[in-house]
Protein backbone atom coordinates (compact mmCIF):
# COMPACT_ATOMS: atom_id res chain seq x y z
CA MET A 1 14.09 -15.03 -67.40
CA ASN A 2 10.81 -16.75 -68.24
CA ALA A 3 7.65 -16.42 -66.21
CA LYS A 4 7.80 -19.91 -64.62
CA VAL A 5 11.35 -19.38 -63.30
CA TRP A 6 10.38 -15.98 -61.91
CA ILE A 7 7.39 -17.47 -60.06
CA ARG A 8 9.59 -20.21 -58.53
CA ILE A 9 12.16 -17.65 -57.37
CA SER A 10 9.45 -15.39 -55.89
CA ARG A 11 7.92 -18.29 -53.98
CA ALA A 12 11.32 -19.29 -52.61
CA VAL A 13 12.05 -15.74 -51.45
CA SER A 14 8.61 -15.54 -49.77
CA VAL A 15 9.18 -18.79 -47.90
CA VAL A 16 12.61 -17.64 -46.70
CA SER A 17 11.10 -14.30 -45.53
CA VAL A 18 8.31 -16.03 -43.59
CA VAL A 19 10.77 -18.44 -41.97
CA SER A 20 13.03 -15.52 -40.99
CA VAL A 21 10.11 -13.62 -39.43
CA LEU A 22 8.95 -16.69 -37.49
CA ALA A 23 12.47 -17.36 -36.29
CA GLY A 24 12.74 -13.78 -35.09
CA LEU A 25 9.43 -14.00 -33.25
CA SER A 26 10.46 -17.30 -31.68
CA ALA A 27 13.73 -15.78 -30.49
CA CYS A 28 11.81 -12.91 -28.91
CA ALA A 29 9.39 -15.29 -27.19
CA VAL A 30 12.15 -17.31 -25.51
CA ALA A 31 14.52 -14.43 -24.82
CA PRO A 32 15.54 -14.62 -21.14
CA PRO A 33 14.79 -11.71 -18.82
CA ALA A 34 17.52 -9.27 -18.04
CA PRO A 35 19.83 -10.50 -15.29
CA PRO A 36 18.94 -9.45 -11.76
CA PRO A 37 20.81 -6.51 -10.29
CA PRO A 38 23.93 -7.41 -8.33
CA ASN A 39 23.45 -8.11 -4.64
CA ASP A 40 25.81 -5.43 -3.41
CA PRO A 41 25.30 -5.00 0.36
CA VAL A 42 23.13 -2.00 1.12
CA THR A 43 21.27 -0.63 4.13
CA LEU A 44 17.90 0.94 3.39
CA ARG A 45 16.07 3.30 5.71
CA VAL A 46 12.36 2.39 5.55
CA ASN A 47 9.82 4.62 7.24
CA VAL A 48 6.55 3.02 8.41
CA PHE A 49 3.71 3.26 10.89
CA ARG A 50 3.66 0.60 13.59
CA GLY A 51 0.96 -1.78 12.39
CA ALA A 52 -0.03 -4.94 10.55
CA SER A 53 0.52 -3.44 7.10
CA ASN A 54 4.26 -4.00 7.64
CA ILE A 55 3.81 -7.77 7.52
CA PRO A 56 5.38 -8.15 4.01
CA ILE A 57 8.55 -6.55 5.41
CA TYR A 58 8.48 -8.58 8.63
CA MET A 59 7.96 -11.84 6.74
CA ALA A 60 10.66 -10.99 4.18
CA VAL A 61 13.07 -10.51 7.08
CA GLU A 62 11.98 -13.75 8.77
CA ARG A 63 12.38 -15.81 5.60
CA GLY A 64 15.69 -14.25 4.56
CA ALA A 65 14.32 -12.57 1.42
CA PHE A 66 16.18 -9.33 2.11
CA ALA A 67 19.37 -11.06 3.23
CA ARG A 68 19.53 -13.13 0.03
CA ARG A 69 19.50 -9.88 -1.92
CA GLY A 70 22.14 -8.14 0.17
CA ILE A 71 19.64 -5.72 1.75
CA THR A 72 19.45 -4.69 5.39
CA PRO A 73 16.18 -2.81 6.00
CA VAL A 74 16.24 -0.46 8.99
CA LEU A 75 12.72 0.46 10.01
CA GLN A 76 11.92 3.92 11.27
CA PHE A 77 8.53 4.32 12.96
CA THR A 78 6.79 7.61 12.30
CA PRO A 79 4.40 9.18 14.81
CA ASN A 80 2.29 10.78 12.08
CA SER A 81 1.98 11.24 8.34
CA ASP A 82 3.15 14.88 8.37
CA MET A 83 6.54 13.84 9.74
CA GLN A 84 6.72 10.96 7.29
CA ARG A 85 6.02 13.16 4.28
CA ASP A 86 8.46 15.83 5.43
CA GLY A 87 11.11 13.21 6.14
CA LEU A 88 10.84 11.58 2.73
CA ALA A 89 11.09 14.93 0.96
CA ALA A 90 14.13 15.89 3.05
CA GLY A 91 15.92 12.59 2.39
CA ARG A 92 15.91 11.46 6.02
CA PHE A 93 15.04 7.97 4.80
CA ASP A 94 14.88 6.16 1.46
CA ILE A 95 11.51 4.40 1.28
CA ALA A 96 8.08 5.03 2.78
CA VAL A 97 5.55 2.25 3.29
CA ALA A 98 2.20 3.71 4.32
CA ALA A 99 -1.15 4.81 2.88
CA VAL A 100 -0.33 5.90 -0.67
CA ASP A 101 -2.75 8.80 -0.43
CA ASN A 102 0.10 10.45 1.45
CA ALA A 103 2.18 10.23 -1.73
CA VAL A 104 -0.65 11.83 -3.70
CA ALA A 105 -0.79 14.66 -1.14
CA MET A 106 2.96 15.17 -1.46
CA ILE A 107 2.68 15.38 -5.25
CA GLU A 108 -0.43 17.54 -5.50
CA VAL A 109 -0.26 19.71 -2.38
CA ALA A 110 3.44 19.93 -1.48
CA LYS A 111 4.56 19.67 -5.15
CA LYS A 112 7.22 17.04 -4.39
CA ASP A 113 8.57 14.62 -7.02
CA VAL A 114 7.26 11.43 -5.44
CA VAL A 115 6.20 8.22 -7.15
CA ILE A 116 4.24 5.17 -5.96
CA VAL A 117 6.06 1.96 -6.92
CA ALA A 118 4.02 -0.84 -5.30
CA GLY A 119 0.83 -1.53 -3.40
CA GLY A 120 0.02 -3.38 -0.23
CA ASP A 121 -3.41 -3.73 1.33
CA GLY A 122 -6.91 -2.31 1.53
CA GLY A 123 -6.34 -0.68 4.91
CA MET A 124 -8.49 -3.03 7.04
CA ASN A 125 -9.95 0.05 8.71
CA GLU A 126 -13.02 0.24 10.90
CA LEU A 127 -14.85 3.26 12.27
CA MET A 128 -14.30 2.77 15.98
CA VAL A 129 -16.30 4.67 18.61
CA ARG A 130 -16.79 4.83 22.34
CA PRO A 131 -19.39 2.26 23.50
CA GLU A 132 -22.21 4.77 24.07
CA PHE A 133 -22.56 5.54 20.36
CA LYS A 134 -24.92 3.33 18.38
CA GLN A 135 -24.76 4.74 14.85
CA VAL A 136 -22.72 7.17 12.78
CA SER A 137 -25.23 10.01 13.19
CA ASP A 138 -24.67 9.86 16.98
CA LEU A 139 -21.28 11.51 16.35
CA ARG A 140 -22.90 14.90 15.79
CA ASN A 141 -21.11 17.56 17.86
CA LYS A 142 -18.41 15.04 18.81
CA ASN A 143 -14.69 14.64 18.07
CA PHE A 144 -13.27 12.63 15.20
CA ILE A 145 -9.65 11.74 16.01
CA VAL A 146 -7.37 11.60 12.94
CA ASP A 147 -3.72 11.39 11.93
CA ALA A 148 -3.75 14.38 9.56
CA THR A 149 -7.00 15.98 8.45
CA ASN A 150 -6.35 15.88 4.71
CA THR A 151 -5.11 12.39 3.89
CA ALA A 152 -5.99 8.72 3.73
CA TYR A 153 -8.09 7.39 6.58
CA ALA A 154 -9.28 10.82 7.67
CA LEU A 155 -10.79 11.26 4.21
CA ILE A 156 -12.55 7.90 4.46
CA GLY A 157 -13.94 8.87 7.85
CA ARG A 158 -15.07 12.25 6.58
CA LYS A 159 -16.86 10.53 3.70
CA ILE A 160 -18.59 8.09 6.05
CA LEU A 161 -19.68 10.97 8.30
CA LYS A 162 -20.79 12.96 5.27
CA ASN A 163 -22.96 10.04 4.14
CA ALA A 164 -24.60 10.17 7.56
CA GLY A 165 -25.39 13.87 7.07
CA LEU A 166 -22.49 15.27 9.12
CA VAL A 167 -20.25 18.03 7.76
CA ASP A 168 -16.75 18.52 9.17
CA GLY A 169 -16.18 21.85 10.90
CA LYS A 170 -19.91 22.22 11.42
CA ASP A 171 -21.36 19.00 12.81
CA TYR A 172 -18.19 17.52 14.34
CA THR A 173 -14.60 18.47 15.14
CA MET A 174 -11.51 16.82 13.68
CA ASN A 175 -8.66 16.44 16.14
CA PRO A 176 -5.30 15.49 14.53
CA LEU A 177 -3.31 13.43 17.04
CA GLY A 178 -1.15 11.11 14.92
CA GLY A 179 -0.77 7.42 14.08
CA THR A 180 -3.16 4.57 14.78
CA GLU A 181 -1.65 3.55 18.11
CA ILE A 182 -2.14 7.07 19.48
CA ARG A 183 -5.69 7.23 18.13
CA THR A 184 -6.47 3.93 19.82
CA LYS A 185 -5.47 5.33 23.21
CA SER A 186 -7.55 8.45 22.56
CA LEU A 187 -10.76 6.40 22.61
CA GLU A 188 -10.14 5.79 26.31
CA THR A 189 -10.37 9.52 27.03
CA PRO A 190 -13.56 11.58 27.42
CA GLU A 191 -12.64 13.67 24.35
CA GLY A 192 -11.86 10.71 22.08
CA HIS A 193 -15.24 9.88 20.55
CA SER A 194 -14.36 8.22 17.22
CA ALA A 195 -11.43 7.24 15.00
CA MET A 196 -10.56 5.11 11.99
CA LEU A 197 -8.43 2.21 13.22
CA ASN A 198 -6.82 -0.79 11.57
CA PRO A 199 -5.23 -4.01 12.95
CA PRO A 200 -3.97 -4.78 15.41
CA TRP A 201 -5.14 -1.57 17.06
CA SER A 202 -8.78 -2.01 16.06
CA PHE A 203 -8.80 -5.31 18.00
CA VAL A 204 -6.94 -3.76 20.91
CA ALA A 205 -9.54 -0.98 21.04
CA LYS A 206 -12.37 -3.52 21.10
CA ASP A 207 -10.70 -5.31 24.00
CA ARG A 208 -10.65 -1.98 25.84
CA GLY A 209 -14.37 -1.36 25.35
CA ALA A 210 -14.63 0.47 22.01
CA LYS A 211 -16.89 -0.84 19.29
CA SER A 212 -16.99 -0.81 15.51
CA LEU A 213 -19.67 0.88 13.42
CA GLY A 214 -18.42 -0.93 10.30
CA SER A 215 -15.41 -1.55 8.11
CA THR A 216 -14.16 0.58 5.25
CA MET A 217 -15.29 -2.16 2.88
CA ASP A 218 -18.82 -1.99 4.35
CA LEU A 219 -19.12 1.78 4.66
CA PHE A 220 -17.06 3.00 1.70
CA GLY A 221 -15.87 0.23 -0.62
CA LEU A 222 -12.61 -0.99 -2.12
CA TYR A 223 -9.69 1.29 -1.26
CA GLN A 224 -6.00 1.28 -2.13
CA SER A 225 -4.38 1.92 1.21
CA SER A 226 -0.81 0.96 2.02
CA GLY A 227 1.94 0.85 -0.55
CA VAL A 228 5.53 1.77 -1.29
CA PHE A 229 6.51 5.27 -2.40
CA VAL A 230 9.83 7.03 -2.92
CA MET A 231 11.28 10.23 -4.31
CA ARG A 232 11.51 9.79 -8.09
CA PRO A 233 15.15 10.97 -8.36
CA TRP A 234 16.14 8.43 -5.70
CA ALA A 235 14.35 5.64 -7.61
CA GLU A 236 16.12 6.55 -10.84
CA ALA A 237 19.51 6.68 -9.13
CA ASN A 238 18.94 3.42 -7.22
CA ALA A 239 16.85 1.40 -9.66
CA GLY A 240 18.58 -1.92 -9.01
CA THR A 241 18.42 -1.51 -5.25
CA LEU A 242 14.73 -0.59 -5.40
CA GLN A 243 14.03 -3.62 -7.58
CA ARG A 244 15.78 -5.89 -5.08
CA PHE A 245 13.80 -4.35 -2.20
CA LEU A 246 10.52 -4.87 -4.05
CA SER A 247 11.36 -8.49 -4.91
CA ALA A 248 11.84 -9.23 -1.21
CA TYR A 249 8.71 -7.22 -0.33
CA ILE A 250 6.60 -9.20 -2.81
CA GLU A 251 8.08 -12.43 -1.51
CA GLY A 252 7.08 -11.47 2.03
CA CYS A 253 3.59 -10.63 0.79
CA ARG A 254 3.22 -14.01 -0.92
CA ALA A 255 4.48 -15.81 2.15
CA THR A 256 1.89 -14.04 4.29
CA GLN A 257 -0.91 -15.01 1.91
CA ASP A 258 0.11 -18.68 1.75
CA PRO A 259 -2.12 -20.59 4.23
CA ALA A 260 0.76 -23.01 4.87
CA ASN A 261 2.59 -20.17 6.63
CA ARG A 262 -0.22 -19.17 8.97
CA GLU A 263 1.65 -20.12 12.14
CA GLN A 264 4.78 -18.27 11.09
CA VAL A 265 2.76 -15.17 10.24
CA VAL A 266 0.96 -15.21 13.60
CA GLN A 267 4.24 -15.62 15.48
CA THR A 268 5.87 -12.87 13.42
CA LEU A 269 3.02 -10.50 14.24
CA GLN A 270 3.32 -11.38 17.92
CA LYS A 271 7.04 -10.73 17.94
CA ASN A 272 7.14 -7.50 15.96
CA LEU A 273 4.01 -5.85 17.34
CA LYS A 274 4.16 -7.31 20.87
CA LEU A 275 0.70 -8.86 20.58
CA GLU A 276 -1.20 -11.45 22.51
CA ARG A 277 -1.74 -14.64 20.51
CA ARG A 278 -5.48 -14.02 20.16
CA VAL A 279 -5.02 -10.51 18.73
CA ALA A 280 -2.33 -11.76 16.34
CA GLU A 281 -4.71 -14.43 15.06
CA GLN A 282 -7.46 -11.84 14.54
CA THR A 283 -4.97 -9.66 12.69
CA TYR A 284 -3.95 -12.57 10.48
CA VAL A 285 -7.60 -13.08 9.45
CA ALA A 286 -7.92 -9.40 8.55
CA LEU A 287 -4.70 -9.48 6.51
CA THR A 288 -5.89 -12.46 4.50
CA THR A 289 -9.45 -11.26 3.87
CA THR A 290 -9.92 -10.51 0.17
CA GLY A 291 -10.29 -6.80 -0.62
CA HIS A 292 -9.88 -5.87 3.05
CA GLY A 293 -6.33 -7.10 3.64
CA LEU A 294 -3.32 -7.72 1.41
CA PHE A 295 -3.80 -7.52 -2.34
CA LYS A 296 -2.29 -10.34 -4.40
CA ASP A 297 1.49 -9.92 -4.57
CA CYS A 298 1.01 -6.48 -2.94
CA ALA A 299 0.16 -5.05 -6.35
CA ILE A 300 -1.69 -1.79 -6.86
CA GLU A 301 -5.44 -2.51 -6.87
CA MET A 302 -6.57 -0.22 -9.69
CA THR A 303 -10.24 0.00 -8.68
CA GLY A 304 -9.17 0.81 -5.14
CA MET A 305 -6.68 3.36 -6.49
CA ARG A 306 -9.36 5.10 -8.54
CA ASN A 307 -11.68 5.10 -5.51
CA MET A 308 -8.94 6.64 -3.38
CA LEU A 309 -8.37 9.44 -5.92
CA SER A 310 -12.11 10.03 -6.34
CA LEU A 311 -12.45 10.32 -2.58
CA ARG A 312 -9.71 12.97 -2.46
CA ALA A 313 -11.42 14.84 -5.31
CA GLU A 314 -14.76 14.82 -3.49
CA ILE A 315 -13.69 15.52 0.08
CA GLU A 316 -10.76 17.88 -0.56
CA GLY A 317 -12.20 19.37 -3.77
CA GLN A 318 -8.96 18.64 -5.58
CA TRP A 319 -8.70 18.65 -9.40
CA GLY A 320 -11.98 20.54 -9.57
CA GLY A 321 -13.72 17.51 -8.11
CA VAL A 322 -12.73 15.19 -10.96
CA ALA A 323 -9.92 12.75 -10.16
CA PRO A 324 -7.14 12.14 -12.70
CA ALA A 325 -6.14 8.67 -13.89
CA PRO A 326 -3.92 6.69 -11.47
CA ASP A 327 -1.06 6.63 -13.99
CA LYS A 328 -0.12 10.16 -12.97
CA PHE A 329 1.10 8.89 -9.60
CA LEU A 330 2.49 5.46 -10.46
CA ASP A 331 5.71 4.07 -11.87
CA LEU A 332 5.30 0.30 -11.81
CA ARG A 333 8.36 -0.53 -13.92
CA TYR A 334 10.41 -1.35 -10.83
CA TYR A 335 7.64 -3.59 -9.48
CA GLU A 336 7.21 -5.41 -12.80
CA ARG A 337 10.94 -6.10 -13.02
CA ALA A 338 11.00 -7.20 -9.39
CA LEU A 339 8.27 -9.77 -10.05
CA GLN A 340 10.64 -11.67 -12.36
CA TYR A 341 12.94 -12.47 -9.45
CA VAL A 342 10.55 -13.31 -6.65
CA ASP A 343 11.26 -16.66 -4.95
CA ARG A 344 14.49 -17.01 -6.94
């Protein structure tokens, strides 16, 4: 074979190879997503606190997002985070939706195989006090009412008090009473001096005479608060069901954030939380305030997640004071798959 023929053959082979590679890449680019999981009817036990952070679930119910996917969510309301964490570990329910710092505590302190699968909001918390207190430092030798002393909003409050020069166990007393609704009522008692509260209870407390010394955003910064967490073995055994739940949850989150749905959101808050119209409207504003309320599509806010872990490292002294990367606590595969089937 002479040199010219060899060159022509080589060029032809090269062209065919390039075309084959491009065709393969094109096929990959247009390959459809995997089909959604089948909508087999299923009832899911979902454990929550009674508050505005449940709005993605409430709205998903209102708009039929769960029903379209064959899911019936049955909400269980927990009185405190200790009972929620114990209940999840014991299998008394399937899914928890609450401050994800509780999941971190389950993993690191209780050594349970828990995983965070979606986000929610920034907590919308405010440091609420009885009306006679003017500034954070006035809380010296007073009571700080918390859910549990070692998780979530208690840690934020302890950090805020620490920044004001107050050390827990020395300059003030932590009193663990339970969820936000209970803490709200405590501010009406002589012993209830301060508490971290979020909507609608922060607005209810203001109506009853309490006042705010500032929001979490003002006094601490961006924080990953509510989210969805489950036992890892349950997620692996029920991957399709979890994906369907998260698709509906994201859909409810988007519906809440769409200004066109404001009236429906307000009415849904009124119905589910038994609120006056004015308080429901205030709660809606908090939910739709960037960084303070719902994160886009109820995704994990990574800066807020890192801040949450750093706070635990500082206040609880965990991990030798140096927080690990968020990846240790997250498995977002279910969420990412669920995103493909939102509004479909």
